[in-house]
C-alpha atoms as a PDB file:
ATOM      1  CA  MET A   1      -3.367  -2.048 -15.012  1.00  0.00           C
ATOM      2  CA  LYS A   2      -0.642  -4.278 -16.501  1.00  0.00           C
ATOM      3  CA  TYR A   3      -0.360  -8.020 -16.098  1.00  0.00           C
ATOM      4  CA  ASP A   4       1.435  -8.817 -12.825  1.00  0.00           C
ATOM      5  CA  SER A   5       3.130 -12.177 -12.513  1.00  0.00           C
ATOM      6  CA  PHE A   6       3.442 -11.832  -8.725  1.00  0.00           C
ATOM      7  CA  ALA A   7      -0.299 -11.446  -8.421  1.00  0.00           C
ATOM      8  CA  SER A   8      -0.704 -14.841 -10.033  1.00  0.00           C
ATOM      9  CA  LEU A   9       0.869 -16.544  -7.021  1.00  0.00           C
ATOM     10  CA  HIS A  10      -1.198 -18.120  -4.296  1.00  0.00           C
ATOM     11  CA  PRO A  11      -3.060 -15.659  -2.000  1.00  0.00           C
ATOM     12  CA  ILE A  12      -1.145 -16.907   1.043  1.00  0.00           C
ATOM     13  CA  VAL A  13       2.114 -15.906  -0.641  1.00  0.00           C
ATOM     14  CA  ASN A  14       0.765 -12.515  -1.672  1.00  0.00           C
ATOM     15  CA  PHE A  15      -0.709 -11.773   1.798  1.00  0.00           C
ATOM     16  CA  THR A  16       2.428 -12.911   3.640  1.00  0.00           C
ATOM     17  CA  TYR A  17       4.585 -10.713   1.430  1.00  0.00           C
ATOM     18  CA  PHE A  18       2.519  -7.582   1.796  1.00  0.00           C
ATOM     19  CA  THR A  19       2.051  -8.075   5.564  1.00  0.00           C
ATOM     20  CA  ALA A  20       5.861  -8.264   5.936  1.00  0.00           C
ATOM     21  CA  VAL A  21       6.764  -5.222   3.797  1.00  0.00           C
ATOM     22  CA  LEU A  22       4.021  -3.059   5.259  1.00  0.00           C
ATOM     23  CA  VAL A  23       4.920  -3.884   8.858  1.00  0.00           C
ATOM     24  CA  PHE A  24       8.624  -3.472   8.254  1.00  0.00           C
ATOM     25  CA  SER A  25       8.088  -0.208   6.315  1.00  0.00           C
ATOM     26  CA  MET A  26       6.023   1.210   9.262  1.00  0.00           C
ATOM     27  CA  PHE A  27       8.463   0.241  12.044  1.00  0.00           C
ATOM     28  CA  PHE A  28      11.909   0.396  10.477  1.00  0.00           C
ATOM     29  CA  MET A  29      13.067   3.997  10.452  1.00  0.00           C
ATOM     30  CA  HIS A  30      16.649   3.163   9.497  1.00  0.00           C
ATOM     31  CA  PRO A  31      17.591   5.138   6.326  1.00  0.00           C
ATOM     32  CA  VAL A  32      18.884   2.013   4.545  1.00  0.00           C
ATOM     33  CA  PHE A  33      15.690   0.127   5.184  1.00  0.00           C
ATOM     34  CA  GLN A  34      13.543   3.158   4.180  1.00  0.00           C
ATOM     35  CA  LEU A  35      15.442   3.751   0.919  1.00  0.00           C
ATOM     36  CA  ILE A  36      15.216   0.062  -0.029  1.00  0.00           C
ATOM     37  CA  SER A  37      11.506  -0.056   0.722  1.00  0.00           C
ATOM     38  CA  LEU A  38      10.725   3.166  -1.068  1.00  0.00           C
ATOM     39  CA  ILE A  39      12.622   2.227  -4.273  1.00  0.00           C
ATOM     40  CA  SER A  40      11.062  -1.287  -4.327  1.00  0.00           C
ATOM     41  CA  ALA A  41       7.556   0.095  -3.702  1.00  0.00           C
ATOM     42  CA  ILE A  42       7.913   2.643  -6.544  1.00  0.00           C
ATOM     43  CA  SER A  43       9.333   0.002  -8.886  1.00  0.00           C
ATOM     44  CA  TYR A  44       6.536  -2.467  -8.232  1.00  0.00           C
ATOM     45  CA  SER A  45       3.921   0.259  -8.492  1.00  0.00           C
ATOM     46  CA  ILE A  46       5.198   1.218 -11.941  1.00  0.00           C
ATOM     47  CA  ILE A  47       4.964  -2.424 -13.014  1.00  0.00           C
ATOM     48  CA  ILE A  48       1.417  -2.767 -11.776  1.00  0.00           C
ATOM     49  CA  LYS A  49       0.054   0.578 -12.997  1.00  0.00           C
ATOM     50  CA  GLY A  50       2.169   0.831 -16.148  1.00  0.00           C
ATOM     51  CA  ALA A  51       4.980   3.322 -16.810  1.00  0.00           C
ATOM     52  CA  LYS A  52       2.832   6.351 -17.497  1.00  0.00           C
ATOM     53  CA  GLU A  53       0.288   5.913 -14.705  1.00  0.00           C
ATOM     54  CA  GLY A  54       2.909   4.683 -12.260  1.00  0.00           C
ATOM     55  CA  ILE A  55       5.243   7.644 -12.791  1.00  0.00           C
ATOM     56  CA  LYS A  56       2.340  10.020 -12.558  1.00  0.00           C
ATOM     57  CA  PHE A  57       1.177   8.467  -9.279  1.00  0.00           C
ATOM     58  CA  ASN A  58       4.602   8.349  -7.628  1.00  0.00           C
ATOM     59  CA  PHE A  59       6.141  11.551  -8.791  1.00  0.00           C
ATOM     60  CA  ALA A  60       3.152  13.858  -9.410  1.00  0.00           C
ATOM     61  CA  HIS A  61       1.216  12.846  -6.303  1.00  0.00           C
ATOM     62  CA  MET A  62       3.507  11.156  -3.798  1.00  0.00           C
ATOM     63  CA  LEU A  63       6.668  13.241  -4.288  1.00  0.00           C
ATOM     64  CA  PRO A  64       4.956  16.614  -3.490  1.00  0.00           C
ATOM     65  CA  MET A  65       3.393  15.044  -0.423  1.00  0.00           C
ATOM     66  CA  LEU A  66       6.828  13.771   0.656  1.00  0.00           C
ATOM     67  CA  ILE A  67       8.353  17.251   0.279  1.00  0.00           C
ATOM     68  CA  PHE A  68       5.453  18.930   2.090  1.00  0.00           C
ATOM     69  CA  MET A  69       5.549  16.544   5.078  1.00  0.00           C
ATOM     70  CA  SER A  70       9.349  16.807   5.281  1.00  0.00           C
ATOM     71  CA  ILE A  71       9.150  20.625   5.493  1.00  0.00           C
ATOM     72  CA  LEU A  72       6.184  20.571   7.863  1.00  0.00           C
ATOM     73  CA  ASN A  73       7.865  18.611  10.689  1.00  0.00           C
ATOM     74  CA  PRO A  74      10.663  21.146  11.568  1.00  0.00           C
ATOM     75  CA  LEU A  75       8.060  23.894  11.836  1.00  0.00           C
ATOM     76  CA  PHE A  76       6.423  22.179  14.830  1.00  0.00           C
ATOM     77  CA  ASN A  77       9.136  19.844  16.137  1.00  0.00           C
ATOM     78  CA  HIS A  78      12.014  21.737  17.722  1.00  0.00           C
ATOM     79  CA  GLU A  79      13.754  18.845  19.526  1.00  0.00           C
ATOM     80  CA  GLY A  80      17.400  18.069  18.817  1.00  0.00           C
ATOM     81  CA  ALA A  81      20.870  19.143  19.862  1.00  0.00           C
ATOM     82  CA  THR A  82      22.146  20.502  16.560  1.00  0.00           C
ATOM     83  CA  ILE A  83      20.548  23.916  16.128  1.00  0.00           C
ATOM     84  CA  LEU A  84      20.838  25.307  12.591  1.00  0.00           C
ATOM     85  CA  PHE A  85      18.992  28.625  12.973  1.00  0.00           C
ATOM     86  CA  TYR A  86      16.102  30.310  14.753  1.00  0.00           C
ATOM     87  CA  PHE A  87      12.696  31.523  13.614  1.00  0.00           C
ATOM     88  CA  LYS A  88      11.686  35.105  14.329  1.00  0.00           C
ATOM     89  CA  ASN A  89       9.521  33.809  17.221  1.00  0.00           C
ATOM     90  CA  GLY A  90      12.600  32.220  18.830  1.00  0.00           C
ATOM     91  CA  ASN A  91      11.841  28.598  18.009  1.00  0.00           C
ATOM     92  CA  PRO A  92      14.941  26.678  16.819  1.00  0.00           C
ATOM     93  CA  VAL A  93      15.244  24.582  13.701  1.00  0.00           C
ATOM     94  CA  THR A  94      17.418  21.544  14.411  1.00  0.00           C
ATOM     95  CA  LEU A  95      19.163  19.081  12.157  1.00  0.00           C
ATOM     96  CA  GLU A  96      17.582  16.188  14.037  1.00  0.00           C
ATOM     97  CA  SER A  97      14.018  17.466  13.403  1.00  0.00           C
ATOM     98  CA  ILE A  98      14.720  17.882   9.710  1.00  0.00           C
ATOM     99  CA  ILE A  99      16.129  14.370   9.391  1.00  0.00           C
ATOM    100  CA  TYR A 100      13.269  12.928  11.424  1.00  0.00           C
ATOM    101  CA  GLY A 101      10.770  14.799   9.241  1.00  0.00           C
ATOM    102  CA  ILE A 102      12.289  13.331   6.123  1.00  0.00           C
ATOM    103  CA  ALA A 103      12.256   9.835   7.667  1.00  0.00           C
ATOM    104  CA  ALA A 104       8.682  10.051   8.872  1.00  0.00           C
ATOM    105  CA  ALA A 105       7.512  11.448   5.491  1.00  0.00           C
ATOM    106  CA  THR A 106       9.386   8.677   3.653  1.00  0.00           C
ATOM    107  CA  MET A 107       7.764   6.038   5.866  1.00  0.00           C
ATOM    108  CA  PHE A 108       4.265   7.473   5.321  1.00  0.00           C
ATOM    109  CA  ILE A 109       4.662   7.706   1.501  1.00  0.00           C
ATOM    110  CA  THR A 110       6.170   4.232   1.287  1.00  0.00           C
ATOM    111  CA  VAL A 111       3.309   2.696   3.159  1.00  0.00           C
ATOM    112  CA  ILE A 112       0.775   4.427   0.901  1.00  0.00           C
ATOM    113  CA  ILE A 113       2.532   3.106  -2.246  1.00  0.00           C
ATOM    114  CA  TRP A 114       2.656  -0.385  -0.760  1.00  0.00           C
ATOM    115  CA  PHE A 115      -1.053  -0.210   0.058  1.00  0.00           C
ATOM    116  CA  SER A 116      -1.909   0.882  -3.453  1.00  0.00           C
ATOM    117  CA  SER A 117      -0.098  -2.231  -4.758  1.00  0.00           C
ATOM    118  CA  TYR A 118      -1.818  -4.347  -2.097  1.00  0.00           C
ATOM    119  CA  ASN A 119      -5.226  -3.193  -3.287  1.00  0.00           C
ATOM    120  CA  SER A 120      -4.352  -4.149  -6.831  1.00  0.00           C
ATOM    121  CA  VAL A 121      -3.021  -7.595  -5.972  1.00  0.00           C
ATOM    122  CA  MET A 122      -5.226  -8.739  -3.065  1.00  0.00           C
ATOM    123  CA  THR A 123      -8.587  -8.772  -4.773  1.00  0.00           C
ATOM    124  CA  SER A 124     -11.862  -9.543  -3.020  1.00  0.00           C
ATOM    125  CA  ASP A 125     -11.825 -13.161  -4.051  1.00  0.00           C
ATOM    126  CA  LYS A 126      -8.379 -13.679  -2.489  1.00  0.00           C
ATOM    127  CA  VAL A 127      -9.517 -12.073   0.742  1.00  0.00           C
ATOM    128  CA  MET A 128     -12.606 -14.278   0.790  1.00  0.00           C
ATOM    129  CA  TYR A 129     -10.402 -17.362   0.111  1.00  0.00           C
ATOM    130  CA  LEU A 130      -8.071 -16.605   2.979  1.00  0.00           C
ATOM    131  CA  PHE A 131     -10.463 -15.468   5.685  1.00  0.00           C
ATOM    132  CA  GLY A 132     -13.839 -16.740   4.588  1.00  0.00           C
ATOM    133  CA  LYS A 133     -13.766 -19.707   6.931  1.00  0.00           C
ATOM    134  CA  ILE A 134     -11.905 -18.069   9.843  1.00  0.00           C
ATOM    135  CA  ILE A 135     -13.787 -14.724  10.063  1.00  0.00           C
ATOM    136  CA  PRO A 136     -16.578 -14.893   7.467  1.00  0.00           C
ATOM    137  CA  SER A 137     -18.402 -11.683   8.476  1.00  0.00           C
ATOM    138  CA  LEU A 138     -15.252  -9.529   8.602  1.00  0.00           C
ATOM    139  CA  SER A 139     -13.827 -10.996   5.361  1.00  0.00           C
ATOM    140  CA  LEU A 140     -17.191 -10.305   3.595  1.00  0.00           C
ATOM    141  CA  VAL A 141     -17.137  -6.712   4.793  1.00  0.00           C
ATOM    142  CA  PHE A 142     -13.474  -6.249   3.787  1.00  0.00           C
ATOM    143  CA  SER A 143     -14.005  -7.764   0.339  1.00  0.00           C
ATOM    144  CA  MET A 144     -17.055  -5.546  -0.147  1.00  0.00           C
ATOM    145  CA  VAL A 145     -14.944  -2.509   0.673  1.00  0.00           C
ATOM    146  CA  LEU A 146     -12.274  -3.486  -1.785  1.00  0.00           C
ATOM    147  CA  ARG A 147     -14.830  -4.157  -4.527  1.00  0.00           C
ATOM    148  CA  PHE A 148     -16.918  -1.086  -3.879  1.00  0.00           C
ATOM    149  CA  VAL A 149     -14.096   1.474  -3.945  1.00  0.00           C
ATOM    150  CA  PRO A 150     -13.713   1.412  -7.785  1.00  0.00           C
ATOM    151  CA  ARG A 151     -17.521   1.049  -8.154  1.00  0.00           C
ATOM    152  CA  TYR A 152     -17.984   4.135  -5.950  1.00  0.00           C
ATOM    153  CA  VAL A 153     -15.776   6.114  -8.255  1.00  0.00           C
ATOM    154  CA  GLU A 154     -17.727   5.097 -11.317  1.00  0.00           C
ATOM    155  CA  GLN A 155     -21.135   5.495  -9.653  1.00  0.00           C
ATOM    156  CA  ILE A 156     -20.453   8.989  -8.422  1.00  0.00           C
ATOM    157  CA  LYS A 157     -19.517   9.992 -11.977  1.00  0.00           C
ATOM    158  CA  VAL A 158     -22.854   8.559 -13.194  1.00  0.00           C
ATOM    159  CA  ILE A 159     -24.759  10.443 -10.465  1.00  0.00           C
ATOM    160  CA  SER A 160     -22.870  13.667 -11.138  1.00  0.00           C
ATOM    161  CA  ASN A 161     -23.573  13.460 -14.867  1.00  0.00           C
ATOM    162  CA  ALA A 162     -27.245  12.776 -14.222  1.00  0.00           C
ATOM    163  CA  GLN A 163     -27.497  15.774 -11.861  1.00  0.00           C
ATOM    164  CA  LYS A 164     -25.646  17.955 -14.345  1.00  0.00           C
ATOM    165  CA  CYS A 165     -28.260  17.246 -17.023  1.00  0.00           C
ATOM    166  CA  ILE A 166     -30.929  18.890 -14.849  1.00  0.00           C
ATOM    167  CA  GLY A 167     -28.673  21.738 -13.644  1.00  0.00           C
ATOM    168  CA  ARG A 168     -27.835  20.363 -10.208  1.00  0.00           C
ATOM    169  CA  ASP A 169     -24.175  19.511 -10.508  1.00  0.00           C
ATOM    170  CA  ALA A 170     -21.584  20.636  -7.935  1.00  0.00           C
ATOM    171  CA  SER A 171     -19.994  22.862 -10.637  1.00  0.00           C
ATOM    172  CA  GLN A 172     -23.185  24.784 -11.376  1.00  0.00           C
ATOM    173  CA  GLY A 173     -24.551  27.948  -9.688  1.00  0.00           C
ATOM    174  CA  ASN A 174     -23.200  30.111  -6.960  1.00  0.00           C
ATOM    175  CA  ILE A 175     -21.153  28.797  -4.034  1.00  0.00           C
ATOM    176  CA  PHE A 176     -24.192  28.022  -1.889  1.00  0.00           C
ATOM    177  CA  ARG A 177     -25.951  26.291  -4.808  1.00  0.00           C
ATOM    178  CA  ARG A 178     -22.828  24.245  -5.482  1.00  0.00           C
ATOM    179  CA  ALA A 179     -22.582  23.188  -1.898  1.00  0.00           C
ATOM    180  CA  LYS A 180     -26.269  22.169  -1.845  1.00  0.00           C
ATOM    181  CA  ASN A 181     -25.838  20.223  -5.117  1.00  0.00           C
ATOM    182  CA  GLY A 182     -22.729  18.530  -3.749  1.00  0.00           C
ATOM    183  CA  ILE A 183     -24.496  17.426  -0.589  1.00  0.00           C
ATOM    184  CA  LYS A 184     -27.355  16.102  -2.696  1.00  0.00           C
ATOM    185  CA  ILE A 185     -24.986  14.005  -4.860  1.00  0.00           C
ATOM    186  CA  LEU A 186     -23.253  12.675  -1.690  1.00  0.00           C
ATOM    187  CA  SER A 187     -26.678  11.789  -0.216  1.00  0.00           C
ATOM    188  CA  ILE A 188     -27.625   9.899  -3.357  1.00  0.00           C
ATOM    189  CA  MET A 189     -24.289   8.151  -3.318  1.00  0.00           C
ATOM    190  CA  ILE A 190     -24.584   7.054   0.282  1.00  0.00           C
ATOM    191  CA  THR A 191     -28.098   5.762  -0.303  1.00  0.00           C
ATOM    192  CA  TRP A 192     -26.939   3.739  -3.292  1.00  0.00           C
ATOM    193  CA  ALA A 193     -23.998   2.320  -1.325  1.00  0.00           C
ATOM    194  CA  LEU A 194     -26.150   1.188   1.610  1.00  0.00           C
ATOM    195  CA  GLU A 195     -28.742  -0.432  -0.683  1.00  0.00           C
ATOM    196  CA  ASN A 196     -25.919  -2.202  -2.562  1.00  0.00           C
ATOM    197  CA  ALA A 197     -24.393  -3.457   0.660  1.00  0.00           C
ATOM    198  CA  ILE A 198     -27.732  -4.781   1.928  1.00  0.00           C
ATOM    199  CA  GLU A 199     -28.420  -6.569  -1.358  1.00  0.00           C
ATOM    200  CA  THR A 200     -24.945  -8.165  -1.305  1.00  0.00           C
ATOM    201  CA  ALA A 201     -25.351  -9.318   2.299  1.00  0.00           C
ATOM    202  CA  ASP A 202     -28.769 -10.774   1.605  1.00  0.00           C
ATOM    203  CA  SER A 203     -27.454 -12.516  -1.461  1.00  0.00           C
ATOM    204  CA  MET A 204     -24.573 -14.053   0.461  1.00  0.00           C
ATOM    205  CA  ARG A 205     -26.841 -15.126   3.312  1.00  0.00           C
ATOM    206  CA  SER A 206     -29.235 -16.847   0.870  1.00  0.00           C
ATOM    207  CA  ARG A 207     -26.310 -18.818  -0.494  1.00  0.00           C
ATOM    208  CA  GLY A 208     -25.397 -20.106   3.007  1.00  0.00           C
ATOM    209  CA  TYR A 209     -22.199 -18.019   3.341  1.00  0.00           C
ATOM    210  CA  GLY A 210     -20.650 -18.449   6.781  1.00  0.00           C
ATOM    211  CA  LEU A 211     -22.593 -21.576   7.743  1.00  0.00           C
ATOM    212  CA  PRO A 212     -20.640 -24.352   9.456  1.00  0.00           C
ATOM    213  CA  GLY A 213     -19.376 -27.048   7.115  1.00  0.00           C
ATOM    214  CA  ARG A 214     -20.122 -25.056   3.964  1.00  0.00           C
ATOM    215  CA  THR A 215     -17.538 -25.603   1.236  1.00  0.00           C
ATOM    216  CA  SER A 216     -16.678 -23.299  -1.651  1.00  0.00           C
ATOM    217  CA  PHE A 217     -15.033 -23.666  -5.010  1.00  0.00           C
ATOM    218  CA  SER A 218     -11.636 -22.007  -5.566  1.00  0.00           C
ATOM    219  CA  LEU A 219      -9.223 -21.851  -8.435  1.00  0.00           C
ATOM    220  CA  PHE A 220      -6.230 -21.243  -6.158  1.00  0.00           C
ATOM    221  CA  ARG A 221      -3.682 -24.063  -5.901  1.00  0.00           C
ATOM    222  CA  PHE A 222      -0.491 -24.036  -3.864  1.00  0.00           C
ATOM    223  CA  ASP A 223       1.944 -25.324  -6.533  1.00  0.00           C
ATOM    224  CA  ASN A 224       5.732 -25.788  -6.514  1.00  0.00           C
ATOM    225  CA  ARG A 225       6.397 -22.216  -7.590  1.00  0.00           C
ATOM    226  CA  ASP A 226       4.310 -20.939  -4.662  1.00  0.00           C
ATOM    227  CA  LYS A 227       6.232 -23.209  -2.343  1.00  0.00           C
ATOM    228  CA  VAL A 228       9.613 -21.923  -3.448  1.00  0.00           C
ATOM    229  CA  VAL A 229       8.629 -18.233  -3.257  1.00  0.00           C
ATOM    230  CA  PHE A 230       6.906 -18.715   0.118  1.00  0.00           C
ATOM    231  CA  LEU A 231       9.936 -20.480   1.544  1.00  0.00           C
ATOM    232  CA  VAL A 232      12.244 -17.691   0.309  1.00  0.00           C
ATOM    233  CA  ILE A 233       9.969 -15.075   1.856  1.00  0.00           C
ATOM    234  CA  VAL A 234       9.849 -16.891   5.216  1.00  0.00           C
ATOM    235  CA  ILE A 235      13.667 -17.268   5.299  1.00  0.00           C
ATOM    236  CA  LEU A 236      14.186 -13.604   4.427  1.00  0.00           C
ATOM    237  CA  ILE A 237      11.679 -12.468   7.072  1.00  0.00           C
ATOM    238  CA  SER A 238      13.473 -14.674   9.675  1.00  0.00           C
ATOM    239  CA  ILE A 239      16.820 -13.031   8.886  1.00  0.00           C
ATOM    240  CA  ILE A 240      15.279  -9.547   9.060  1.00  0.00           C
ATOM    241  CA  LEU A 241      13.543 -10.204  12.348  1.00  0.00           C
ATOM    242  CA  LEU A 242      16.817 -11.622  13.784  1.00  0.00           C
ATOM    243  CA  GLY A 243      18.506  -8.386  12.645  1.00  0.00           C
ATOM    244  CA  ALA A 244      15.767  -6.338  14.363  1.00  0.00           C
ATOM    245  CA  PHE A 245      16.217  -8.325  17.538  1.00  0.00           C
ATOM    246  CA  LYS A 246      19.997  -7.592  17.453  1.00  0.00           C
ATOM    247  CA  GLY A 247      19.337  -3.879  16.819  1.00  0.00           C
ATOM    248  CA  VAL A 248      20.675  -3.740  13.264  1.00  0.00           C
ATOM    249  CA  ASN A 249      17.780  -1.477  12.136  1.00  0.00           C
ATOM    250  CA  THR A 250      18.000   0.802  15.187  1.00  0.00           C
ATOM    251  CA  ILE A 251      18.364   4.581  14.763  1.00  0.00           C
ATOM    252  CA  LYS A 252      17.965   7.304  17.408  1.00  0.00           C
ATOM    253  CA  PHE A 253      16.942  10.767  16.300  1.00  0.00           C
ATOM    254  CA  PHE A 254      16.782  12.718  19.553  1.00  0.00           C
ATOM    255  CA  PRO A 255      18.493  14.419  21.220  1.00  0.00           C
ATOM    256  CA  SER A 256      21.207  13.583  18.674  1.00  0.00           C
ATOM    257  CA  ILE A 257      21.339  11.145  15.735  1.00  0.00           C
ATOM    258  CA  LYS A 258      22.834   7.810  16.700  1.00  0.00           C
ATOM    259  CA  ILE A 259      22.852   4.880  14.253  1.00  0.00           C
ATOM    260  CA  THR A 260      24.259   1.388  14.628  1.00  0.00           C
ATOM    261  CA  GLU A 261      27.514   0.718  12.899  1.00  0.00           C
ATOM    262  CA  ILE A 262      27.704  -1.359   9.769  1.00  0.00           C
ATOM    263  CA  THR A 263      28.902  -4.936  10.258  1.00  0.00           C
ATOM    264  CA  GLY A 264      28.971  -8.087   8.193  1.00  0.00           C
ATOM    265  CA  PHE A 265      25.725  -9.265   9.703  1.00  0.00           C
ATOM    266  CA  SER A 266      23.978  -5.875   9.166  1.00  0.00           C
ATOM    267  CA  ILE A 267      24.984  -6.047   5.468  1.00  0.00           C
ATOM    268  CA  LEU A 268      23.424  -9.512   5.283  1.00  0.00           C
ATOM    269  CA  VAL A 269      20.205  -8.076   6.806  1.00  0.00           C
ATOM    270  CA  TYR A 270      20.236  -5.177   4.338  1.00  0.00           C
ATOM    271  CA  ILE A 271      20.619  -7.565   1.395  1.00  0.00           C
ATOM    272  CA  SER A 272      17.836  -9.828   2.786  1.00  0.00           C
ATOM    273  CA  TYR A 273      15.543  -6.866   3.128  1.00  0.00           C
ATOM    274  CA  PHE A 274      16.285  -5.692  -0.403  1.00  0.00           C
ATOM    275  CA  VAL A 275      15.640  -9.142  -1.861  1.00  0.00           C
ATOM    276  CA  LEU A 276      12.376  -9.388   0.095  1.00  0.00           C
ATOM    277  CA  CYS A 277      11.091  -6.047  -1.114  1.00  0.00           C
ATOM    278  CA  ILE A 278      12.133  -6.562  -4.703  1.00  0.00           C
ATOM    279  CA  ILE A 279      10.756 -10.116  -5.073  1.00  0.00           C
ATOM    280  CA  PRO A 280       7.701  -8.970  -7.157  1.00  0.00           C
ATOM    281  CA  VAL A 281       9.957  -7.069  -9.523  1.00  0.00           C
ATOM    282  CA  ILE A 282      12.266 -10.071  -9.884  1.00  0.00           C
ATOM    283  CA  ILE A 283       9.359 -12.407 -10.650  1.00  0.00           C
ATOM    284  CA  ASN A 284       7.939 -10.038 -13.241  1.00  0.00           C
ATOM    285  CA  VAL A 285      11.278  -9.417 -14.959  1.00  0.00           C
ATOM    286  CA  GLN A 286      12.063 -13.136 -14.939  1.00  0.00           C
ATOM    287  CA  GLU A 287       8.743 -14.001 -16.571  1.00  0.00           C
ATOM    288  CA  ALA A 288       9.122 -11.213 -19.109  1.00  0.00           C
ATOM    289  CA  ILE A 289      12.561 -12.613 -20.076  1.00  0.00           C
ATOM    290  CA  GLN A 290      11.124 -16.141 -20.408  1.00  0.00           C
ATOM    291  CA  TRP A 291       8.271 -14.929 -22.652  1.00  0.00           C
ATOM    292  CA  ARG A 292      10.646 -13.055 -24.898  1.00  0.00           C
ATOM    293  CA  TYR A 293      12.869 -16.129 -25.144  1.00  0.00           C
ATOM    294  CA  ILE A 294       9.859 -18.321 -26.046  1.00  0.00           C
ATOM    295  CA  GLU A 295       8.685 -15.842 -28.604  1.00  0.00           C
ATOM    296  CA  SER A 296      12.156 -15.657 -30.187  1.00  0.00           C
ATOM    297  CA  ARG A 297      12.141 -19.465 -30.600  1.00  0.00           C
ATOM    298  CA  ILE A 298       8.786 -19.496 -32.433  1.00  0.00           C
END
């Protein structure tokens, strides 16, 4: 994982941003909005994961899933007025079902990419800081989930290697033996996870977590940079919501494709959405330029 300047902002800024882009990506099916969100999500993902890992994640894993889901929809959805051809069983393939399949697949993939970036930026300490006082039990569970996911991956490797040394790995023996070994590894993993969760809960309880009036130390400070970015995000969200209220992002797929015409206001909304989605990239590029300038002066 590479250094992310956007992740260094206050948790409120990070959470507000990701809440906005995730909600908008899920509900805005307009092609302009989808294209903006997908490009921005991929760009930010590459910054977070690094060029090699980011390209591998987006193009080796997400792109095949996008193509598969786009092809799958017309096989089962036969709505639409523009019939292109018929299957042998008589079911039609329509232009509208193909376009809708591409849009739905793009929305799904975009949300996954945004969530992968969210998991990298919104660490467990940020979740605890934001929701520890409001919903202490839920925030503790959520932070444990975020923290345990990478630990689960490492732990299952340790268990698998240990079982392999005694000939009980999921890759050893016939198919029935492999299934039995795999179930055994999963059972060990679940037992370890439950014990770990109980120990963490007992540890937090012994420290007085969730008690009324309990204070906690935090390194997060809402400085001037956070104020500026947060204000920009709020303004952009307001413009986008106003555009949604006026139907700028509206598209109808069935029975025929109908899309709102482009106006001056819709262009403003498109630009606002682009700026909102690309904010992390802008912040990272700006800081990289500043660092290079400082290094060149030394």
